[in-house]
């Protein structure tokens, strides 16, 4: 909301070339280093909302969120928060369902993987990936 208000106020000035120029006070500034590919590793012990937000933060055009399946890198490009699982809790990273959606257990809650990409393969839906690779319930992503 704040960004929208700021743009409504400042964009006309930027477009007209009349926006005020204020030098940055480096003594009050902060710096955050660039994101590294390793920052996209999914920690399945985190709550579903945290994993969901990580995937959103590092999706295209960034390097992507990733996990490991059978020793291979699996990029997770899009997820959805899923309703709580009806069966008892499983270990984080456990695949809870393959159909009708690909559902993975997190540290708190479950997450639907909607777009994934196995290393050196095309991007596809989570269900397509699971079917192409005979992924079964109970397998683990690490």
N, C-alpha and C. Protein backbone atom coordinates (compact mmCIF):
# COMPACT_ATOMS: atom_id res chain seq x y z
N UNK A 1 0.83 -1.20 0.00
CA UNK A 1 0.00 0.00 0.00
C UNK A 1 0.87 1.25 0.00
N UNK A 2 1.93 1.23 0.81
CA UNK A 2 2.80 2.41 0.89
C UNK A 2 3.48 2.68 -0.44
N UNK A 3 3.88 1.62 -1.15
CA UNK A 3 4.54 1.80 -2.44
C UNK A 3 3.58 2.43 -3.45
N UNK A 4 2.31 2.01 -3.42
CA UNK A 4 1.33 2.58 -4.35
C UNK A 4 1.13 4.06 -4.09
N UNK A 5 1.03 4.44 -2.83
CA UNK A 5 0.87 5.86 -2.47
C UNK A 5 2.10 6.65 -2.91
N UNK A 6 3.27 6.12 -2.64
CA UNK A 6 4.51 6.78 -3.00
C UNK A 6 4.59 6.99 -4.52
N UNK A 7 4.24 5.96 -5.27
CA UNK A 7 4.30 6.08 -6.73
C UNK A 7 3.31 7.13 -7.25
N UNK A 8 2.11 7.17 -6.68
CA UNK A 8 1.13 8.18 -7.11
C UNK A 8 1.65 9.59 -6.85
N UNK A 9 2.37 9.76 -5.75
CA UNK A 9 2.87 11.09 -5.39
C UNK A 9 4.14 11.45 -6.17
N UNK A 10 5.03 10.49 -6.34
CA UNK A 10 6.36 10.81 -6.86
C UNK A 10 6.49 10.59 -8.36
N UNK A 11 5.75 9.65 -8.93
CA UNK A 11 5.92 9.35 -10.36
C UNK A 11 5.74 10.58 -11.24
N UNK A 12 4.70 11.39 -11.02
CA UNK A 12 4.57 12.59 -11.87
C UNK A 12 5.81 13.49 -11.79
N UNK A 13 6.40 13.61 -10.60
CA UNK A 13 7.61 14.42 -10.45
C UNK A 13 8.78 13.79 -11.19
N UNK A 14 8.90 12.45 -11.08
CA UNK A 14 9.98 11.76 -11.80
C UNK A 14 9.82 11.95 -13.30
N UNK A 15 8.59 11.79 -13.79
CA UNK A 15 8.31 11.90 -15.22
C UNK A 15 8.63 13.31 -15.72
N UNK A 16 8.30 14.31 -14.90
CA UNK A 16 8.53 15.71 -15.28
C UNK A 16 9.97 16.14 -15.04
N UNK A 17 10.75 15.31 -14.36
CA UNK A 17 12.13 15.69 -14.07
C UNK A 17 12.25 16.69 -12.94
N UNK A 18 11.21 16.80 -12.12
CA UNK A 18 11.21 17.78 -11.03
C UNK A 18 11.31 17.14 -9.64
N UNK A 19 11.53 15.83 -9.57
CA UNK A 19 11.63 15.15 -8.27
C UNK A 19 12.84 15.70 -7.52
N UNK A 20 12.69 15.95 -6.22
CA UNK A 20 13.83 16.47 -5.45
C UNK A 20 14.96 15.45 -5.39
N UNK A 21 16.16 15.95 -5.44
CA UNK A 21 17.36 15.10 -5.34
C UNK A 21 17.92 15.29 -3.94
N UNK A 22 17.94 14.19 -3.16
CA UNK A 22 18.43 14.25 -1.79
C UNK A 22 19.56 13.24 -1.65
N UNK A 23 20.77 13.70 -1.40
CA UNK A 23 21.87 12.75 -1.24
C UNK A 23 21.64 11.84 -0.03
N UNK A 24 22.04 10.59 -0.17
CA UNK A 24 21.90 9.63 0.92
C UNK A 24 22.93 9.92 2.00
N UNK A 25 22.47 9.84 3.25
CA UNK A 25 23.38 9.98 4.39
C UNK A 25 23.93 8.58 4.67
N UNK A 26 25.15 8.30 4.23
CA UNK A 26 25.73 6.96 4.35
C UNK A 26 25.92 6.52 5.80
N UNK A 27 25.99 7.47 6.74
CA UNK A 27 26.13 7.08 8.15
C UNK A 27 24.83 6.48 8.69
N UNK A 28 23.69 6.75 8.03
CA UNK A 28 22.40 6.21 8.47
C UNK A 28 21.88 5.11 7.55
N UNK A 29 22.64 4.79 6.52
CA UNK A 29 22.20 3.81 5.54
C UNK A 29 22.53 2.39 5.98
N UNK A 30 21.84 1.44 5.41
CA UNK A 30 22.15 0.04 5.66
C UNK A 30 22.34 -0.64 4.31
N UNK A 31 22.90 -1.83 4.35
CA UNK A 31 23.16 -2.56 3.12
C UNK A 31 22.85 -4.02 3.35
N UNK A 32 22.19 -4.61 2.38
CA UNK A 32 21.93 -6.04 2.42
C UNK A 32 22.63 -6.64 1.21
N UNK A 33 23.51 -7.60 1.44
CA UNK A 33 24.24 -8.22 0.34
C UNK A 33 23.30 -8.89 -0.64
N UNK A 34 23.79 -9.14 -1.81
CA UNK A 34 22.98 -9.77 -2.84
C UNK A 34 22.56 -11.18 -2.44
N UNK A 35 21.46 -11.62 -3.01
CA UNK A 35 20.95 -12.96 -2.76
C UNK A 35 21.84 -13.96 -3.48
N UNK A 36 22.18 -15.03 -2.79
CA UNK A 36 22.98 -16.11 -3.38
C UNK A 36 22.04 -17.27 -3.70
N UNK A 37 22.41 -18.09 -4.68
CA UNK A 37 21.55 -19.24 -4.99
C UNK A 37 21.26 -20.11 -3.77
N UNK A 38 22.23 -20.27 -2.87
CA UNK A 38 22.03 -21.11 -1.68
C UNK A 38 20.92 -20.58 -0.78
N UNK A 39 20.60 -19.29 -0.89
CA UNK A 39 19.53 -18.72 -0.08
C UNK A 39 18.16 -19.28 -0.45
N UNK A 40 18.08 -19.98 -1.58
CA UNK A 40 16.81 -20.55 -2.02
C UNK A 40 16.55 -21.96 -1.53
N UNK A 41 17.48 -22.55 -0.75
CA UNK A 41 17.27 -23.92 -0.26
C UNK A 41 16.06 -23.94 0.67
N UNK A 42 15.15 -24.87 0.40
CA UNK A 42 13.93 -25.00 1.21
C UNK A 42 14.24 -25.80 2.47
N UNK A 43 13.86 -25.24 3.60
CA UNK A 43 13.95 -25.93 4.88
C UNK A 43 12.53 -26.39 5.22
N UNK A 44 12.26 -27.67 4.96
CA UNK A 44 10.91 -28.19 5.14
C UNK A 44 10.45 -28.18 6.59
N UNK A 45 11.37 -27.97 7.55
CA UNK A 45 10.95 -27.90 8.95
C UNK A 45 10.29 -26.56 9.28
N UNK A 46 10.38 -25.61 8.39
CA UNK A 46 9.73 -24.31 8.58
C UNK A 46 8.22 -24.47 8.35
N UNK A 47 7.42 -23.54 8.87
CA UNK A 47 5.98 -23.60 8.62
C UNK A 47 5.66 -23.41 7.13
N UNK A 48 4.51 -23.91 6.71
CA UNK A 48 4.10 -23.83 5.31
C UNK A 48 4.14 -22.39 4.80
N UNK A 49 3.69 -21.43 5.59
CA UNK A 49 3.66 -20.02 5.17
C UNK A 49 5.08 -19.51 4.88
N UNK A 50 6.06 -19.92 5.68
CA UNK A 50 7.45 -19.48 5.47
C UNK A 50 8.00 -20.05 4.16
N UNK A 51 7.74 -21.33 3.90
CA UNK A 51 8.21 -21.95 2.65
C UNK A 51 7.49 -21.29 1.46
N UNK A 52 6.20 -21.07 1.58
CA UNK A 52 5.42 -20.40 0.54
C UNK A 52 6.03 -19.04 0.20
N UNK A 53 6.36 -18.26 1.23
CA UNK A 53 6.94 -16.93 1.01
C UNK A 53 8.34 -17.01 0.42
N UNK A 54 9.13 -18.00 0.81
CA UNK A 54 10.46 -18.18 0.22
C UNK A 54 10.33 -18.43 -1.28
N UNK A 55 9.44 -19.33 -1.66
CA UNK A 55 9.25 -19.65 -3.08
C UNK A 55 8.84 -18.39 -3.83
N UNK A 56 7.91 -17.62 -3.30
CA UNK A 56 7.49 -16.37 -3.95
C UNK A 56 8.65 -15.39 -4.08
N UNK A 57 9.53 -15.35 -3.08
CA UNK A 57 10.62 -14.38 -3.07
C UNK A 57 11.71 -14.70 -4.09
N UNK A 58 11.93 -15.96 -4.38
CA UNK A 58 13.06 -16.33 -5.25
C UNK A 58 12.64 -16.99 -6.55
N UNK A 59 11.35 -16.87 -6.91
CA UNK A 59 10.90 -17.45 -8.17
C UNK A 59 11.43 -16.63 -9.34
N UNK A 60 11.06 -16.99 -10.56
CA UNK A 60 11.54 -16.30 -11.76
C UNK A 60 11.49 -14.79 -11.56
N UNK A 61 12.49 -14.05 -11.91
CA UNK A 61 13.68 -14.42 -12.67
C UNK A 61 14.86 -14.82 -11.79
N UNK A 62 14.64 -14.97 -10.49
CA UNK A 62 15.72 -15.36 -9.59
C UNK A 62 16.05 -16.84 -9.76
N UNK A 63 17.11 -17.31 -9.08
CA UNK A 63 17.54 -18.71 -9.26
C UNK A 63 16.54 -19.76 -8.79
N UNK A 64 15.60 -19.38 -7.95
CA UNK A 64 14.56 -20.31 -7.55
C UNK A 64 14.80 -20.97 -6.20
N UNK A 65 13.69 -21.40 -5.59
CA UNK A 65 13.75 -22.19 -4.36
C UNK A 65 13.99 -23.63 -4.79
N UNK A 66 14.72 -24.36 -3.97
CA UNK A 66 15.02 -25.73 -4.39
C UNK A 66 15.11 -26.66 -3.20
N UNK A 67 14.98 -27.94 -3.52
CA UNK A 67 15.06 -29.03 -2.57
C UNK A 67 15.78 -30.18 -3.28
N UNK A 68 15.91 -31.29 -2.61
CA UNK A 68 16.57 -32.44 -3.23
C UNK A 68 15.61 -33.63 -3.22
N UNK A 69 15.53 -34.31 -4.36
CA UNK A 69 14.74 -35.53 -4.48
C UNK A 69 15.64 -36.58 -5.11
N UNK A 70 15.85 -37.67 -4.41
CA UNK A 70 16.70 -38.78 -4.87
C UNK A 70 18.06 -38.28 -5.37
N UNK A 71 18.65 -37.35 -4.63
CA UNK A 71 19.98 -36.85 -4.95
C UNK A 71 20.02 -35.82 -6.07
N UNK A 72 18.87 -35.46 -6.61
CA UNK A 72 18.81 -34.48 -7.70
C UNK A 72 18.11 -33.22 -7.23
N UNK A 73 18.48 -32.09 -7.80
CA UNK A 73 17.88 -30.82 -7.42
C UNK A 73 16.51 -30.68 -8.06
N UNK A 74 15.54 -30.33 -7.23
CA UNK A 74 14.18 -30.07 -7.69
C UNK A 74 13.87 -28.61 -7.37
N UNK A 75 13.70 -27.80 -8.41
CA UNK A 75 13.34 -26.40 -8.23
C UNK A 75 11.84 -26.29 -8.04
N UNK A 76 11.44 -25.47 -7.09
CA UNK A 76 10.02 -25.25 -6.81
C UNK A 76 9.72 -23.81 -7.19
N UNK A 77 8.95 -23.64 -8.25
CA UNK A 77 8.69 -22.31 -8.80
C UNK A 77 7.40 -21.70 -8.29
N UNK A 78 6.45 -22.54 -7.89
CA UNK A 78 5.17 -22.00 -7.43
C UNK A 78 4.53 -22.98 -6.46
N UNK A 79 3.94 -22.44 -5.41
CA UNK A 79 3.25 -23.26 -4.41
C UNK A 79 1.92 -22.60 -4.06
N UNK A 80 1.10 -23.37 -3.35
CA UNK A 80 -0.13 -22.84 -2.76
C UNK A 80 -0.23 -23.38 -1.35
N UNK A 81 -0.75 -22.56 -0.46
CA UNK A 81 -1.02 -23.06 0.88
C UNK A 81 -2.19 -24.02 0.76
N UNK A 82 -2.07 -25.15 1.38
CA UNK A 82 -3.09 -26.19 1.28
C UNK A 82 -3.82 -26.33 2.60
N UNK A 83 -5.06 -26.84 2.56
CA UNK A 83 -5.78 -27.09 3.81
C UNK A 83 -5.02 -28.12 4.64
N UNK A 84 -5.18 -28.10 5.95
CA UNK A 84 -4.47 -29.07 6.79
C UNK A 84 -4.75 -30.51 6.35
N UNK A 85 -3.73 -31.33 6.49
CA UNK A 85 -3.87 -32.75 6.14
C UNK A 85 -4.82 -33.43 7.11
N UNK A 86 -5.59 -34.37 6.61
CA UNK A 86 -6.55 -35.09 7.45
C UNK A 86 -5.90 -36.22 8.23
N UNK A 87 -4.75 -36.69 7.74
CA UNK A 87 -4.05 -37.79 8.40
C UNK A 87 -3.04 -37.23 9.38
N UNK A 88 -2.54 -38.04 10.29
CA UNK A 88 -1.59 -37.56 11.29
C UNK A 88 -0.35 -36.93 10.65
N UNK A 89 0.29 -36.11 11.43
CA UNK A 89 1.49 -35.38 11.01
C UNK A 89 2.57 -36.34 10.51
N UNK A 90 3.30 -35.93 9.48
CA UNK A 90 4.43 -36.71 8.95
C UNK A 90 5.69 -35.86 9.08
N UNK A 91 6.84 -36.45 8.86
CA UNK A 91 8.11 -35.74 8.93
C UNK A 91 8.15 -34.64 7.87
N UNK A 92 8.75 -33.48 8.19
CA UNK A 92 8.86 -32.41 7.19
C UNK A 92 9.54 -32.91 5.92
N UNK A 93 8.98 -32.50 4.77
CA UNK A 93 9.51 -32.91 3.48
C UNK A 93 8.86 -34.16 2.92
N UNK A 94 8.00 -34.80 3.72
CA UNK A 94 7.32 -36.02 3.26
C UNK A 94 6.23 -35.67 2.26
N UNK A 95 6.20 -36.40 1.17
CA UNK A 95 5.14 -36.21 0.18
C UNK A 95 3.89 -36.88 0.74
N UNK A 96 2.88 -36.07 0.98
CA UNK A 96 1.63 -36.56 1.60
C UNK A 96 0.64 -37.05 0.58
N UNK A 97 0.65 -36.46 -0.62
CA UNK A 97 -0.28 -36.86 -1.68
C UNK A 97 0.34 -36.49 -3.03
N UNK A 98 0.00 -37.27 -4.03
CA UNK A 98 0.46 -37.01 -5.39
C UNK A 98 -0.71 -36.55 -6.26
N UNK A 99 -1.90 -37.07 -5.99
CA UNK A 99 -3.10 -36.71 -6.73
C UNK A 99 -4.22 -36.41 -5.76
N UNK A 100 -5.10 -35.51 -5.99
CA UNK A 100 -5.20 -34.67 -7.17
C UNK A 100 -4.19 -33.53 -7.19
N UNK A 101 -3.50 -33.28 -6.08
CA UNK A 101 -2.43 -32.29 -6.03
C UNK A 101 -1.21 -32.91 -5.38
N UNK A 102 -0.04 -32.35 -5.69
CA UNK A 102 1.19 -32.78 -5.04
C UNK A 102 1.31 -31.99 -3.74
N UNK A 103 1.20 -32.70 -2.61
CA UNK A 103 1.18 -32.07 -1.29
C UNK A 103 2.38 -32.55 -0.48
N UNK A 104 3.08 -31.59 0.15
CA UNK A 104 4.28 -31.89 0.95
C UNK A 104 4.09 -31.36 2.36
N UNK A 105 4.51 -32.16 3.32
CA UNK A 105 4.44 -31.80 4.74
C UNK A 105 5.55 -30.79 5.05
N UNK A 106 5.22 -29.78 5.82
CA UNK A 106 6.22 -28.83 6.33
C UNK A 106 6.29 -28.99 7.85
N UNK A 107 7.06 -28.14 8.49
CA UNK A 107 7.15 -28.19 9.94
C UNK A 107 5.83 -27.90 10.62
N UNK A 108 5.00 -27.14 9.95
CA UNK A 108 3.66 -26.84 10.46
C UNK A 108 2.76 -26.60 9.25
N UNK A 109 1.94 -27.56 8.92
CA UNK A 109 1.04 -27.45 7.79
C UNK A 109 1.59 -28.16 6.56
N UNK A 110 0.80 -28.12 5.50
CA UNK A 110 1.19 -28.75 4.25
C UNK A 110 1.15 -27.71 3.14
N UNK A 111 1.87 -28.01 2.06
CA UNK A 111 2.00 -27.08 0.96
C UNK A 111 1.79 -27.83 -0.35
N UNK A 112 1.06 -27.23 -1.27
CA UNK A 112 0.87 -27.81 -2.60
C UNK A 112 1.96 -27.27 -3.52
N UNK A 113 2.69 -28.16 -4.19
CA UNK A 113 3.70 -27.75 -5.16
C UNK A 113 3.02 -27.71 -6.53
N UNK A 114 2.83 -26.51 -7.08
CA UNK A 114 2.08 -26.38 -8.33
C UNK A 114 2.98 -26.32 -9.56
N UNK A 115 4.19 -25.75 -9.46
CA UNK A 115 5.13 -25.70 -10.59
C UNK A 115 6.50 -26.09 -10.07
N UNK A 116 7.10 -27.10 -10.70
CA UNK A 116 8.43 -27.58 -10.29
C UNK A 116 9.28 -27.84 -11.53
N UNK A 117 10.56 -28.07 -11.30
CA UNK A 117 11.47 -28.38 -12.40
C UNK A 117 12.61 -29.22 -11.86
N UNK A 118 12.71 -30.44 -12.31
CA UNK A 118 13.83 -31.29 -11.94
C UNK A 118 15.04 -30.81 -12.74
N UNK A 119 16.22 -30.80 -12.11
CA UNK A 119 17.42 -30.30 -12.79
C UNK A 119 17.52 -30.85 -14.21
N UNK A 120 17.91 -30.00 -15.14
CA UNK A 120 18.10 -30.37 -16.54
C UNK A 120 16.82 -30.90 -17.22
N UNK A 121 15.66 -30.50 -16.73
CA UNK A 121 14.40 -30.93 -17.33
C UNK A 121 13.50 -29.70 -17.46
N UNK A 122 12.47 -29.78 -18.27
CA UNK A 122 11.56 -28.64 -18.40
C UNK A 122 10.71 -28.45 -17.15
N UNK A 123 10.25 -27.23 -16.96
CA UNK A 123 9.34 -26.91 -15.86
C UNK A 123 7.99 -27.56 -16.16
N UNK A 124 7.32 -28.05 -15.09
CA UNK A 124 6.02 -28.68 -15.27
C UNK A 124 5.22 -28.58 -13.98
N UNK A 125 3.97 -28.99 -14.04
CA UNK A 125 3.16 -28.97 -12.82
C UNK A 125 3.71 -30.01 -11.85
N UNK A 126 3.40 -29.82 -10.58
CA UNK A 126 3.85 -30.79 -9.58
C UNK A 126 3.31 -32.18 -9.84
N UNK A 127 2.04 -32.25 -10.23
CA UNK A 127 1.41 -33.54 -10.51
C UNK A 127 2.08 -34.21 -11.71
N UNK A 128 2.35 -33.44 -12.77
CA UNK A 128 3.02 -34.00 -13.96
C UNK A 128 4.39 -34.56 -13.59
N UNK A 129 5.14 -33.79 -12.80
CA UNK A 129 6.48 -34.25 -12.38
C UNK A 129 6.36 -35.55 -11.61
N UNK A 130 5.44 -35.60 -10.65
CA UNK A 130 5.27 -36.80 -9.83
C UNK A 130 4.90 -38.00 -10.68
N UNK A 131 4.02 -37.81 -11.64
CA UNK A 131 3.60 -38.92 -12.50
C UNK A 131 4.74 -39.37 -13.41
N UNK A 132 5.48 -38.42 -13.99
CA UNK A 132 6.59 -38.76 -14.91
C UNK A 132 7.70 -39.54 -14.21
N UNK A 133 7.86 -39.31 -12.91
CA UNK A 133 8.96 -39.93 -12.18
C UNK A 133 8.48 -40.97 -11.16
N UNK A 134 7.24 -41.36 -11.27
CA UNK A 134 6.66 -42.38 -10.38
C UNK A 134 6.89 -42.05 -8.91
N UNK A 135 6.70 -40.79 -8.56
CA UNK A 135 6.85 -40.35 -7.17
C UNK A 135 5.69 -40.92 -6.36
N UNK A 136 5.98 -41.39 -5.17
CA UNK A 136 4.97 -42.02 -4.32
C UNK A 136 4.80 -41.27 -3.01
N UNK A 137 3.62 -41.37 -2.45
CA UNK A 137 3.38 -40.85 -1.11
C UNK A 137 4.38 -41.49 -0.16
N UNK A 138 4.86 -40.71 0.78
CA UNK A 138 5.81 -41.21 1.77
C UNK A 138 7.26 -40.94 1.40
N UNK A 139 7.55 -40.63 0.13
CA UNK A 139 8.92 -40.25 -0.24
C UNK A 139 9.23 -38.90 0.39
N UNK A 140 10.53 -38.60 0.50
CA UNK A 140 10.93 -37.37 1.18
C UNK A 140 11.70 -36.44 0.25
N UNK A 141 11.42 -35.16 0.41
CA UNK A 141 12.22 -34.11 -0.21
C UNK A 141 13.14 -33.60 0.90
N UNK A 142 14.40 -33.39 0.59
CA UNK A 142 15.35 -32.93 1.63
C UNK A 142 16.02 -31.64 1.23
